[in-house]
C-alpha atoms as a PDB file:
ATOM      1  CA  MET A   1       0.345 -54.272  27.116  1.00  0.00           C
ATOM      2  CA  ASN A   2      -2.703 -51.981  27.125  1.00  0.00           C
ATOM      3  CA  ARG A   3      -3.409 -50.169  30.367  1.00  0.00           C
ATOM      4  CA  ILE A   4      -7.006 -49.808  31.403  1.00  0.00           C
ATOM      5  CA  SER A   5      -7.773 -46.673  33.467  1.00  0.00           C
ATOM      6  CA  THR A   6     -11.198 -45.474  34.559  1.00  0.00           C
ATOM      7  CA  SER A   7      -9.852 -41.981  35.290  1.00  0.00           C
ATOM      8  CA  GLY A   8      -8.263 -41.749  31.838  1.00  0.00           C
ATOM      9  CA  SER A   9     -11.498 -42.740  30.179  1.00  0.00           C
ATOM     10  CA  TYR A  10     -13.384 -40.151  32.215  1.00  0.00           C
ATOM     11  CA  SER A  11     -10.894 -37.431  31.240  1.00  0.00           C
ATOM     12  CA  SER A  12     -11.210 -38.221  27.550  1.00  0.00           C
ATOM     13  CA  VAL A  13     -15.012 -38.294  27.631  1.00  0.00           C
ATOM     14  CA  LEU A  14     -15.208 -35.091  29.696  1.00  0.00           C
ATOM     15  CA  ALA A  15     -12.877 -33.315  27.249  1.00  0.00           C
ATOM     16  CA  ASN A  16     -15.100 -34.333  24.356  1.00  0.00           C
ATOM     17  CA  LEU A  17     -18.192 -33.311  26.306  1.00  0.00           C
ATOM     18  CA  MET A  18     -16.816 -29.863  27.131  1.00  0.00           C
ATOM     19  CA  SER A  19     -15.631 -29.346  23.549  1.00  0.00           C
ATOM     20  CA  ALA A  20     -19.106 -30.181  22.225  1.00  0.00           C
ATOM     21  CA  GLN A  21     -20.695 -27.814  24.737  1.00  0.00           C
ATOM     22  CA  GLN A  22     -18.373 -25.005  23.653  1.00  0.00           C
ATOM     23  CA  ARG A  23     -19.096 -25.601  19.964  1.00  0.00           C
ATOM     24  CA  GLN A  24     -22.815 -25.672  20.720  1.00  0.00           C
ATOM     25  CA  ALA A  25     -22.592 -22.388  22.633  1.00  0.00           C
ATOM     26  CA  GLU A  26     -20.602 -20.700  19.863  1.00  0.00           C
ATOM     27  CA  ALA A  27     -23.012 -21.853  17.140  1.00  0.00           C
ATOM     28  CA  GLY A  28     -25.990 -20.808  19.283  1.00  0.00           C
ATOM     29  CA  ASP A  29     -24.517 -17.349  19.841  1.00  0.00           C
ATOM     30  CA  GLN A  30     -23.923 -16.913  16.109  1.00  0.00           C
ATOM     31  CA  LEU A  31     -27.525 -17.867  15.326  1.00  0.00           C
ATOM     32  CA  SER A  32     -28.968 -15.565  18.019  1.00  0.00           C
ATOM     33  CA  THR A  33     -26.749 -12.525  17.317  1.00  0.00           C
ATOM     34  CA  GLY A  34     -26.044 -13.002  13.623  1.00  0.00           C
ATOM     35  CA  LYS A  35     -22.384 -12.223  14.356  1.00  0.00           C
ATOM     36  CA  ILE A  36     -19.288 -14.374  14.186  1.00  0.00           C
ATOM     37  CA  GLY A  37     -18.305 -13.439  17.726  1.00  0.00           C
ATOM     38  CA  THR A  38     -18.618 -10.954  20.555  1.00  0.00           C
ATOM     39  CA  ASP A  39     -15.000  -9.774  20.760  1.00  0.00           C
ATOM     40  CA  LEU A  40     -12.147  -8.978  18.390  1.00  0.00           C
ATOM     41  CA  LYS A  41     -10.480 -12.352  18.988  1.00  0.00           C
ATOM     42  CA  ALA A  42     -13.315 -13.945  17.060  1.00  0.00           C
ATOM     43  CA  PHE A  43     -12.364 -12.011  13.935  1.00  0.00           C
ATOM     44  CA  SER A  44      -8.707 -13.020  13.915  1.00  0.00           C
ATOM     45  CA  ARG A  45      -6.691 -11.206  11.235  1.00  0.00           C
ATOM     46  CA  ASN A  46      -9.685  -9.016  10.235  1.00  0.00           C
ATOM     47  CA  ALA A  47      -9.787  -7.389  13.682  1.00  0.00           C
ATOM     48  CA  GLN A  48      -7.714  -4.351  12.684  1.00  0.00           C
ATOM     49  CA  VAL A  49      -9.785  -3.720   9.541  1.00  0.00           C
ATOM     50  CA  LEU A  50     -13.016  -4.151  11.498  1.00  0.00           C
ATOM     51  CA  THR A  51     -11.871  -1.709  14.178  1.00  0.00           C
ATOM     52  CA  ALA A  52     -11.024   0.917  11.553  1.00  0.00           C
ATOM     53  CA  MET A  53     -14.382   0.507   9.820  1.00  0.00           C
ATOM     54  CA  GLN A  54     -16.301   0.679  13.100  1.00  0.00           C
ATOM     55  CA  THR A  55     -14.426   3.855  14.045  1.00  0.00           C
ATOM     56  CA  LEU A  56     -15.368   5.417  10.707  1.00  0.00           C
ATOM     57  CA  ASP A  57     -18.993   4.299  11.103  1.00  0.00           C
ATOM     58  CA  THR A  58     -19.122   5.898  14.562  1.00  0.00           C
ATOM     59  CA  ARG A  59     -17.757   9.168  13.162  1.00  0.00           C
ATOM     60  CA  LEU A  60     -20.302   9.127  10.331  1.00  0.00           C
ATOM     61  CA  THR A  61     -23.082   8.468  12.846  1.00  0.00           C
ATOM     62  CA  GLY A  62     -21.958  11.542  14.783  1.00  0.00           C
ATOM     63  CA  PHE A  63     -22.111  13.664  11.632  1.00  0.00           C
ATOM     64  CA  THR A  64     -25.523  12.216  10.757  1.00  0.00           C
ATOM     65  CA  GLU A  65     -26.971  13.133  14.164  1.00  0.00           C
ATOM     66  CA  GLN A  66     -25.432  16.609  14.025  1.00  0.00           C
ATOM     67  CA  ASN A  67     -26.762  17.163  10.500  1.00  0.00           C
ATOM     68  CA  ALA A  68     -30.275  16.131  11.518  1.00  0.00           C
ATOM     69  CA  PHE A  69     -30.166  18.763  14.278  1.00  0.00           C
ATOM     70  CA  THR A  70     -28.807  21.359  11.835  1.00  0.00           C
ATOM     71  CA  ALA A  71     -31.501  20.527   9.270  1.00  0.00           C
ATOM     72  CA  ASN A  72     -34.163  21.119  11.918  1.00  0.00           C
ATOM     73  CA  ARG A  73     -32.554  24.444  12.812  1.00  0.00           C
ATOM     74  CA  LEU A  74     -32.522  25.556   9.186  1.00  0.00           C
ATOM     75  CA  GLU A  75     -36.207  24.626   8.833  1.00  0.00           C
ATOM     76  CA  ILE A  76     -37.113  26.771  11.866  1.00  0.00           C
ATOM     77  CA  GLN A  77     -34.887  29.534  10.511  1.00  0.00           C
ATOM     78  CA  ASP A  78     -36.664  29.350   7.151  1.00  0.00           C
ATOM     79  CA  LEU A  79     -40.037  29.770   8.843  1.00  0.00           C
ATOM     80  CA  ALA A  80     -38.755  32.780  10.804  1.00  0.00           C
ATOM     81  CA  LEU A  81     -37.254  34.479   7.747  1.00  0.00           C
ATOM     82  CA  ASN A  82     -40.407  33.967   5.737  1.00  0.00           C
ATOM     83  CA  LYS A  83     -42.456  35.306   8.647  1.00  0.00           C
ATOM     84  CA  ALA A  84     -40.317  38.465   8.688  1.00  0.00           C
ATOM     85  CA  ALA A  85     -40.591  38.784   4.891  1.00  0.00           C
ATOM     86  CA  ASP A  86     -44.367  38.370   5.136  1.00  0.00           C
ATOM     87  CA  ALA A  87     -44.515  41.122   7.791  1.00  0.00           C
ATOM     88  CA  ALA A  88     -42.718  43.448   5.366  1.00  0.00           C
ATOM     89  CA  ASP A  89     -45.006  42.480   2.483  1.00  0.00           C
ATOM     90  CA  GLN A  90     -48.129  42.946   4.607  1.00  0.00           C
ATOM     91  CA  THR A  91     -46.881  46.376   5.702  1.00  0.00           C
ATOM     92  CA  ARG A  92     -46.464  47.414   2.069  1.00  0.00           C
ATOM     93  CA  LEU A  93     -49.937  46.035   1.323  1.00  0.00           C
ATOM     94  CA  ALA A  94     -51.485  47.965   4.246  1.00  0.00           C
ATOM     95  CA  ILE A  95     -49.940  51.179   2.929  1.00  0.00           C
ATOM     96  CA  SER A  96     -51.196  50.416  -0.591  1.00  0.00           C
ATOM     97  CA  ASN A  97     -54.697  49.757   0.732  1.00  0.00           C
ATOM     98  CA  ALA A  98     -54.688  53.053   2.620  1.00  0.00           C
ATOM     99  CA  LEU A  99     -53.688  54.870  -0.563  1.00  0.00           C
ATOM    100  CA  ALA A 100     -56.308  53.009  -2.596  1.00  0.00           C
ATOM    101  CA  SER A 101     -59.121  53.875  -0.155  1.00  0.00           C
ATOM    102  CA  ASP A 102     -57.684  57.322   0.595  1.00  0.00           C
ATOM    103  CA  ARG A 103     -58.212  56.593   4.275  1.00  0.00           C
ATOM    104  CA  ALA A 104     -55.928  55.512   7.117  1.00  0.00           C
ATOM    105  CA  ASP A 105     -58.349  54.917   9.977  1.00  0.00           C
ATOM    106  CA  ALA A 106     -56.635  51.768  11.359  1.00  0.00           C
ATOM    107  CA  LEU A 107     -53.331  51.959   9.525  1.00  0.00           C
ATOM    108  CA  MET A 108     -51.059  52.292  12.559  1.00  0.00           C
ATOM    109  CA  THR A 109     -52.912  49.584  14.479  1.00  0.00           C
ATOM    110  CA  GLU A 110     -52.353  47.226  11.560  1.00  0.00           C
ATOM    111  CA  LEU A 111     -48.700  48.250  11.274  1.00  0.00           C
ATOM    112  CA  GLN A 112     -48.191  47.550  14.967  1.00  0.00           C
ATOM    113  CA  GLY A 113     -49.358  43.982  14.355  1.00  0.00           C
ATOM    114  CA  HIS A 114     -46.921  43.541  11.482  1.00  0.00           C
ATOM    115  CA  PHE A 115     -44.114  45.047  13.564  1.00  0.00           C
ATOM    116  CA  SER A 116     -44.846  42.583  16.399  1.00  0.00           C
ATOM    117  CA  ASN A 117     -44.681  39.703  13.910  1.00  0.00           C
ATOM    118  CA  ALA A 118     -41.317  40.935  12.647  1.00  0.00           C
ATOM    119  CA  VAL A 119     -39.927  41.204  16.189  1.00  0.00           C
ATOM    120  CA  SER A 120     -41.242  37.732  16.988  1.00  0.00           C
ATOM    121  CA  ALA A 121     -39.573  36.318  13.868  1.00  0.00           C
ATOM    122  CA  LEU A 122     -36.186  37.829  14.708  1.00  0.00           C
ATOM    123  CA  ASN A 123     -36.479  36.571  18.297  1.00  0.00           C
ATOM    124  CA  THR A 124     -37.174  32.994  17.196  1.00  0.00           C
ATOM    125  CA  ARG A 125     -35.626  30.240  19.309  1.00  0.00           C
ATOM    126  CA  HIS A 126     -34.387  26.772  18.440  1.00  0.00           C
ATOM    127  CA  ALA A 127     -33.467  24.288  21.159  1.00  0.00           C
ATOM    128  CA  GLY A 128     -33.823  27.089  23.696  1.00  0.00           C
ATOM    129  CA  LYS A 129     -31.384  29.418  21.931  1.00  0.00           C
ATOM    130  CA  PHE A 130     -32.075  32.574  19.932  1.00  0.00           C
ATOM    131  CA  LEU A 131     -31.332  31.881  16.264  1.00  0.00           C
ATOM    132  CA  PHE A 132     -30.351  35.378  15.126  1.00  0.00           C
ATOM    133  CA  ALA A 133     -28.403  36.484  18.204  1.00  0.00           C
ATOM    134  CA  GLY A 134     -24.944  35.433  16.998  1.00  0.00           C
ATOM    135  CA  GLY A 135     -23.002  34.253  20.031  1.00  0.00           C
ATOM    136  CA  GLN A 136     -25.419  35.892  22.498  1.00  0.00           C
ATOM    137  CA  VAL A 137     -27.780  32.904  22.298  1.00  0.00           C
ATOM    138  CA  ASP A 138     -29.360  33.504  25.708  1.00  0.00           C
ATOM    139  CA  THR A 139     -30.302  37.139  24.994  1.00  0.00           C
ATOM    140  CA  PRO A 140     -33.223  38.182  22.728  1.00  0.00           C
ATOM    141  CA  PRO A 141     -31.562  39.884  19.754  1.00  0.00           C
ATOM    142  CA  VAL A 142     -34.372  42.466  19.420  1.00  0.00           C
ATOM    143  CA  SER A 143     -35.424  44.544  22.428  1.00  0.00           C
ATOM    144  CA  ALA A 144     -38.124  46.750  20.829  1.00  0.00           C
ATOM    145  CA  LYS A 145     -41.727  45.722  21.424  1.00  0.00           C
ATOM    146  CA  GLN A 146     -43.833  48.674  20.253  1.00  0.00           C
ATOM    147  CA  LEU A 147     -43.535  51.005  17.288  1.00  0.00           C
ATOM    148  CA  SER A 148     -43.353  53.853  19.772  1.00  0.00           C
ATOM    149  CA  ASP A 149     -40.119  52.345  21.150  1.00  0.00           C
ATOM    150  CA  LEU A 150     -38.411  53.238  17.859  1.00  0.00           C
ATOM    151  CA  THR A 151     -38.960  56.967  18.367  1.00  0.00           C
ATOM    152  CA  ASN A 152     -38.055  57.022  22.039  1.00  0.00           C
ATOM    153  CA  PRO A 153     -35.464  59.840  22.412  1.00  0.00           C
ATOM    154  CA  LEU A 154     -33.574  57.745  24.973  1.00  0.00           C
ATOM    155  CA  THR A 155     -32.697  55.229  22.245  1.00  0.00           C
ATOM    156  CA  PRO A 156     -32.167  57.385  19.155  1.00  0.00           C
ATOM    157  CA  ALA A 157     -30.242  54.818  17.079  1.00  0.00           C
ATOM    158  CA  ILE A 158     -31.839  51.794  15.458  1.00  0.00           C
ATOM    159  CA  ALA A 159     -28.708  49.809  16.340  1.00  0.00           C
ATOM    160  CA  ASP A 160     -29.615  50.221  20.030  1.00  0.00           C
ATOM    161  CA  PHE A 161     -32.517  47.793  19.573  1.00  0.00           C
ATOM    162  CA  PHE A 162     -30.291  44.926  18.406  1.00  0.00           C
ATOM    163  CA  GLN A 163     -28.443  42.937  21.050  1.00  0.00           C
ATOM    164  CA  ASN A 164     -26.729  40.355  18.837  1.00  0.00           C
ATOM    165  CA  ASP A 165     -22.968  40.249  18.261  1.00  0.00           C
ATOM    166  CA  ASP A 166     -21.107  39.596  14.982  1.00  0.00           C
ATOM    167  CA  TYR A 167     -20.574  35.846  15.399  1.00  0.00           C
ATOM    168  CA  ILE A 168     -21.841  33.768  12.459  1.00  0.00           C
ATOM    169  CA  ASP A 169     -22.611  30.213  13.546  1.00  0.00           C
ATOM    170  CA  LYS A 170     -20.806  27.529  11.525  1.00  0.00           C
ATOM    171  CA  VAL A 171     -21.389  23.774  11.453  1.00  0.00           C
ATOM    172  CA  ARG A 172     -18.990  21.089  10.237  1.00  0.00           C
ATOM    173  CA  VAL A 173     -21.220  18.663   8.329  1.00  0.00           C
ATOM    174  CA  ASP A 174     -18.561  16.193   7.182  1.00  0.00           C
ATOM    175  CA  GLU A 175     -14.783  15.760   7.208  1.00  0.00           C
ATOM    176  CA  THR A 176     -14.201  18.507   4.632  1.00  0.00           C
ATOM    177  CA  THR A 177     -17.311  20.730   4.610  1.00  0.00           C
ATOM    178  CA  THR A 178     -18.272  23.552   6.967  1.00  0.00           C
ATOM    179  CA  LEU A 179     -21.474  25.540   6.398  1.00  0.00           C
ATOM    180  CA  ASN A 180     -22.342  29.045   7.625  1.00  0.00           C
ATOM    181  CA  VAL A 181     -25.803  28.458   9.049  1.00  0.00           C
ATOM    182  CA  GLY A 182     -26.223  31.596  11.152  1.00  0.00           C
ATOM    183  CA  GLN A 183     -27.721  34.964  10.234  1.00  0.00           C
ATOM    184  CA  LEU A 184     -27.834  38.083  12.410  1.00  0.00           C
ATOM    185  CA  ALA A 185     -30.831  40.056  13.590  1.00  0.00           C
ATOM    186  CA  ASP A 186     -29.309  43.472  12.853  1.00  0.00           C
ATOM    187  CA  ASP A 187     -28.440  42.476   9.281  1.00  0.00           C
ATOM    188  CA  LEU A 188     -31.998  41.287   8.765  1.00  0.00           C
ATOM    189  CA  GLY A 189     -33.887  43.964  10.636  1.00  0.00           C
ATOM    190  CA  THR A 190     -32.048  47.291  10.388  1.00  0.00           C
ATOM    191  CA  SER A 191     -33.640  48.460   7.126  1.00  0.00           C
ATOM    192  CA  MET A 192     -37.061  47.213   8.246  1.00  0.00           C
ATOM    193  CA  PHE A 193     -36.899  48.919  11.626  1.00  0.00           C
ATOM    194  CA  THR A 194     -35.644  52.117   9.992  1.00  0.00           C
ATOM    195  CA  ALA A 195     -38.689  52.084   7.709  1.00  0.00           C
ATOM    196  CA  PHE A 196     -41.009  51.373  10.650  1.00  0.00           C
ATOM    197  CA  LYS A 197     -39.377  54.228  12.572  1.00  0.00           C
ATOM    198  CA  ASP A 198     -40.030  56.627   9.676  1.00  0.00           C
ATOM    199  CA  LEU A 199     -43.721  55.672   9.698  1.00  0.00           C
ATOM    200  CA  GLN A 200     -43.980  56.112  13.465  1.00  0.00           C
ATOM    201  CA  ALA A 201     -42.123  59.438  13.378  1.00  0.00           C
ATOM    202  CA  PHE A 202     -44.493  60.731  10.697  1.00  0.00           C
ATOM    203  CA  GLU A 203     -47.459  59.558  12.790  1.00  0.00           C
ATOM    204  CA  GLU A 204     -46.143  61.479  15.800  1.00  0.00           C
ATOM    205  CA  GLY A 205     -45.083  64.551  13.786  1.00  0.00           C
ATOM    206  CA  GLY A 206     -46.930  67.639  12.732  1.00  0.00           C
ATOM    207  CA  THR A 207     -48.451  66.025   9.635  1.00  0.00           C
ATOM    208  CA  GLY A 208     -49.893  63.093  11.607  1.00  0.00           C
ATOM    209  CA  PRO A 209     -51.639  61.218  12.962  1.00  0.00           C
ATOM    210  CA  PHE A 210     -53.084  58.826  10.374  1.00  0.00           C
ATOM    211  CA  THR A 211     -56.813  59.118  11.068  1.00  0.00           C
ATOM    212  CA  GLY A 212     -59.656  59.311   8.601  1.00  0.00           C
ATOM    213  CA  LYS A 213     -59.121  60.722   5.126  1.00  0.00           C
ATOM    214  CA  LEU A 214     -55.519  61.116   3.979  1.00  0.00           C
ATOM    215  CA  THR A 215     -54.132  64.629   3.669  1.00  0.00           C
ATOM    216  CA  ALA A 216     -52.020  65.569   0.677  1.00  0.00           C
ATOM    217  CA  ALA A 217     -48.854  65.387   2.816  1.00  0.00           C
ATOM    218  CA  GLN A 218     -49.820  61.974   4.165  1.00  0.00           C
ATOM    219  CA  ARG A 219     -50.539  60.647   0.678  1.00  0.00           C
ATOM    220  CA  THR A 220     -47.205  61.909  -0.639  1.00  0.00           C
ATOM    221  CA  PHE A 221     -45.360  60.326   2.274  1.00  0.00           C
ATOM    222  CA  LEU A 222     -47.117  56.960   1.988  1.00  0.00           C
ATOM    223  CA  GLU A 223     -46.513  56.864  -1.752  1.00  0.00           C
ATOM    224  CA  SER A 224     -42.792  57.284  -1.080  1.00  0.00           C
ATOM    225  CA  GLN A 225     -42.901  54.329   1.328  1.00  0.00           C
ATOM    226  CA  ILE A 226     -44.054  51.772  -1.239  1.00  0.00           C
ATOM    227  CA  SER A 227     -40.621  51.457  -2.839  1.00  0.00           C
ATOM    228  CA  VAL A 228     -38.978  51.423   0.603  1.00  0.00           C
ATOM    229  CA  TRP A 229     -41.013  48.429   1.687  1.00  0.00           C
ATOM    230  CA  ASP A 230     -40.482  46.696  -1.635  1.00  0.00           C
ATOM    231  CA  SER A 231     -36.760  46.905  -0.910  1.00  0.00           C
ATOM    232  CA  VAL A 232     -37.185  45.705   2.693  1.00  0.00           C
ATOM    233  CA  HIS A 233     -39.233  42.731   1.505  1.00  0.00           C
ATOM    234  CA  SER A 234     -36.702  41.920  -1.225  1.00  0.00           C
ATOM    235  CA  ASN A 235     -33.828  41.890   1.289  1.00  0.00           C
ATOM    236  CA  LEU A 236     -35.656  39.458   3.555  1.00  0.00           C
ATOM    237  CA  VAL A 237     -36.576  37.197   0.628  1.00  0.00           C
ATOM    238  CA  THR A 238     -32.881  37.157  -0.302  1.00  0.00           C
ATOM    239  CA  ALA A 239     -32.005  36.153   3.268  1.00  0.00           C
ATOM    240  CA  ALA A 240     -34.557  33.324   3.106  1.00  0.00           C
ATOM    241  CA  ALA A 241     -33.091  32.212  -0.226  1.00  0.00           C
ATOM    242  CA  LYS A 242     -29.608  32.183   1.319  1.00  0.00           C
ATOM    243  CA  ASN A 243     -30.923  29.951   4.075  1.00  0.00           C
ATOM    244  CA  GLY A 244     -32.519  27.719   1.437  1.00  0.00           C
ATOM    245  CA  ALA A 245     -29.201  27.403  -0.390  1.00  0.00           C
ATOM    246  CA  VAL A 246     -27.567  26.174   2.822  1.00  0.00           C
ATOM    247  CA  GLN A 247     -30.430  23.677   3.247  1.00  0.00           C
ATOM    248  CA  THR A 248     -29.757  22.353  -0.254  1.00  0.00           C
ATOM    249  CA  GLN A 249     -26.039  21.962   0.495  1.00  0.00           C
ATOM    250  CA  LEU A 250     -26.855  20.124   3.703  1.00  0.00           C
ATOM    251  CA  ASP A 251     -29.300  17.804   1.918  1.00  0.00           C
ATOM    252  CA  THR A 252     -26.560  16.908  -0.565  1.00  0.00           C
ATOM    253  CA  VAL A 253     -24.143  16.126   2.262  1.00  0.00           C
ATOM    254  CA  LYS A 254     -26.781  14.076   4.095  1.00  0.00           C
ATOM    255  CA  THR A 255     -27.452  11.984   0.974  1.00  0.00           C
ATOM    256  CA  SER A 256     -23.736  11.363   0.479  1.00  0.00           C
ATOM    257  CA  MET A 257     -23.336  10.553   4.175  1.00  0.00           C
ATOM    258  CA  THR A 258     -26.161   8.004   4.073  1.00  0.00           C
ATOM    259  CA  THR A 259     -24.613   6.277   1.036  1.00  0.00           C
ATOM    260  CA  ARG A 260     -21.187   6.152   2.683  1.00  0.00           C
ATOM    261  CA  GLN A 261     -22.573   4.792   5.920  1.00  0.00           C
ATOM    262  CA  MET A 262     -24.543   2.070   4.129  1.00  0.00           C
ATOM    263  CA  THR A 263     -21.360   1.052   2.306  1.00  0.00           C
ATOM    264  CA  ILE A 264     -19.315   0.965   5.521  1.00  0.00           C
ATOM    265  CA  GLN A 265     -21.990  -0.989   7.364  1.00  0.00           C
ATOM    266  CA  GLY A 266     -22.090  -3.469   4.472  1.00  0.00           C
ATOM    267  CA  MET A 267     -18.333  -3.907   4.715  1.00  0.00           C
ATOM    268  CA  ILE A 268     -18.586  -4.399   8.485  1.00  0.00           C
ATOM    269  CA  GLY A 269     -21.264  -7.006   7.884  1.00  0.00           C
ATOM    270  CA  ASP A 270     -19.054  -8.851   5.404  1.00  0.00           C
ATOM    271  CA  VAL A 271     -16.434  -9.210   8.136  1.00  0.00           C
ATOM    272  CA  SER A 272     -18.569  -9.679  11.246  1.00  0.00           C
ATOM    273  CA  ASN A 273     -21.821 -11.304  10.123  1.00  0.00           C
ATOM    274  CA  ALA A 274     -22.091 -15.059  10.603  1.00  0.00           C
ATOM    275  CA  ASP A 275     -23.069 -17.537   7.883  1.00  0.00           C
ATOM    276  CA  LEU A 276     -26.387 -18.562   9.453  1.00  0.00           C
ATOM    277  CA  ALA A 277     -26.746 -21.739   7.397  1.00  0.00           C
ATOM    278  CA  LYS A 278     -23.252 -22.837   8.401  1.00  0.00           C
ATOM    279  CA  ALA A 279     -23.918 -21.906  12.029  1.00  0.00           C
ATOM    280  CA  ALA A 280     -27.161 -23.928  12.029  1.00  0.00           C
ATOM    281  CA  SER A 281     -25.303 -26.951  10.668  1.00  0.00           C
ATOM    282  CA  ALA A 282     -22.542 -26.503  13.261  1.00  0.00           C
ATOM    283  CA  LEU A 283     -25.146 -26.283  16.025  1.00  0.00           C
ATOM    284  CA  THR A 284     -26.753 -29.542  14.914  1.00  0.00           C
ATOM    285  CA  GLN A 285     -23.392 -31.308  14.773  1.00  0.00           C
ATOM    286  CA  ALA A 286     -22.409 -29.962  18.180  1.00  0.00           C
ATOM    287  CA  GLN A 287     -25.711 -31.131  19.692  1.00  0.00           C
ATOM    288  CA  GLN A 288     -25.210 -34.606  18.247  1.00  0.00           C
ATOM    289  CA  ALA A 289     -21.641 -34.738  19.556  1.00  0.00           C
ATOM    290  CA  LEU A 290     -22.856 -33.564  22.959  1.00  0.00           C
ATOM    291  CA  GLN A 291     -25.503 -36.279  23.069  1.00  0.00           C
ATOM    292  CA  ALA A 292     -22.968 -38.946  22.066  1.00  0.00           C
ATOM    293  CA  SER A 293     -20.473 -37.794  24.680  1.00  0.00           C
ATOM    294  CA  SER A 294     -23.204 -37.735  27.294  1.00  0.00           C
ATOM    295  CA  GLN A 295     -24.199 -41.319  26.505  1.00  0.00           C
ATOM    296  CA  VAL A 296     -20.585 -42.481  26.734  1.00  0.00           C
ATOM    297  CA  PHE A 297     -20.246 -40.650  30.031  1.00  0.00           C
ATOM    298  CA  LEU A 298     -23.342 -42.380  31.396  1.00  0.00           C
ATOM    299  CA  ALA A 299     -22.041 -45.740  30.183  1.00  0.00           C
ATOM    300  CA  LEU A 300     -18.721 -45.161  31.959  1.00  0.00           C
ATOM    301  CA  LYS A 301     -20.530 -44.130  35.085  1.00  0.00           C
ATOM    302  CA  GLY A 302     -22.099 -47.579  35.332  1.00  0.00           C
ATOM    303  CA  ALA A 303     -18.869 -49.400  34.479  1.00  0.00           C
ATOM    304  CA  SER A 304     -16.231 -50.633  36.924  1.00  0.00           C
ATOM    305  CA  LEU A 305     -12.648 -51.783  36.451  1.00  0.00           C
ATOM    306  CA  LEU A 306     -13.471 -54.819  38.622  1.00  0.00           C
ATOM    307  CA  ASN A 307     -15.821 -56.011  35.892  1.00  0.00           C
ATOM    308  CA  VAL A 308     -12.945 -55.944  33.438  1.00  0.00           C
ATOM    309  CA  LEU A 309     -10.567 -57.797  35.778  1.00  0.00           C
ATOM    310  CA  ARG A 310     -12.979 -60.643  36.498  1.00  0.00           C
END
């Protein structure tokens, strides 16, 4: 004998209705997000693999952001080193021009300008920190401001004008590679400041100052300075080249990092991305099932067991 129960019919229809609603919601979420699900349960047995790949992708993203910051630092550093090298080259040129014209009317004024440019280059900042200060990033690595500071008897040693320490900044750019990105103001500027000090000392000495036509002693001294400034310029160009070599290494790492991250993200997509065509079909089916269940529910709502018993 079949038992007829209004409550049982309602329970069955409601179960079908709720199931259709759930399937519709899941298919809608997949279409809107492009992902299979929003938590690891949705990925079943691939959850552990997905977690490992996402962890690796996060680590690579951290390296990528750090490397972008480092690349910007190296660019600023390159500009500073080339500015210092240009100051040395312009100093040599000013001396050559004085020798060529046999006059030194504005030589020291011009040299003061080149000295200021050199000091400015060595005191360059990046992200609020002094690039060539070693670990003393909050202290300007060069304290001299005028050529006359170099001959001040209270600070007789060139080393007294450099405030940096010996720390060379290093950056880890991937899991296995660490680059030395830092350079120090005293390494870069000692020979230059020594040469500037010699010029200033001569200017203040008995055979100075440099005004008007060159004397024989002044000509001999300036001629000896040409090779000195060639050497100073060469040292700074070498420092800029060293910085460029680090930039090249970093570019290589960045390219490799980008390729790796694209591969990992592709693998993550293979696991987590939804089949949109399949999801669209599932959504349509769920909507149809929901409509059918709704119609049955409405039909039951208007039915009564008394009608069956009559």
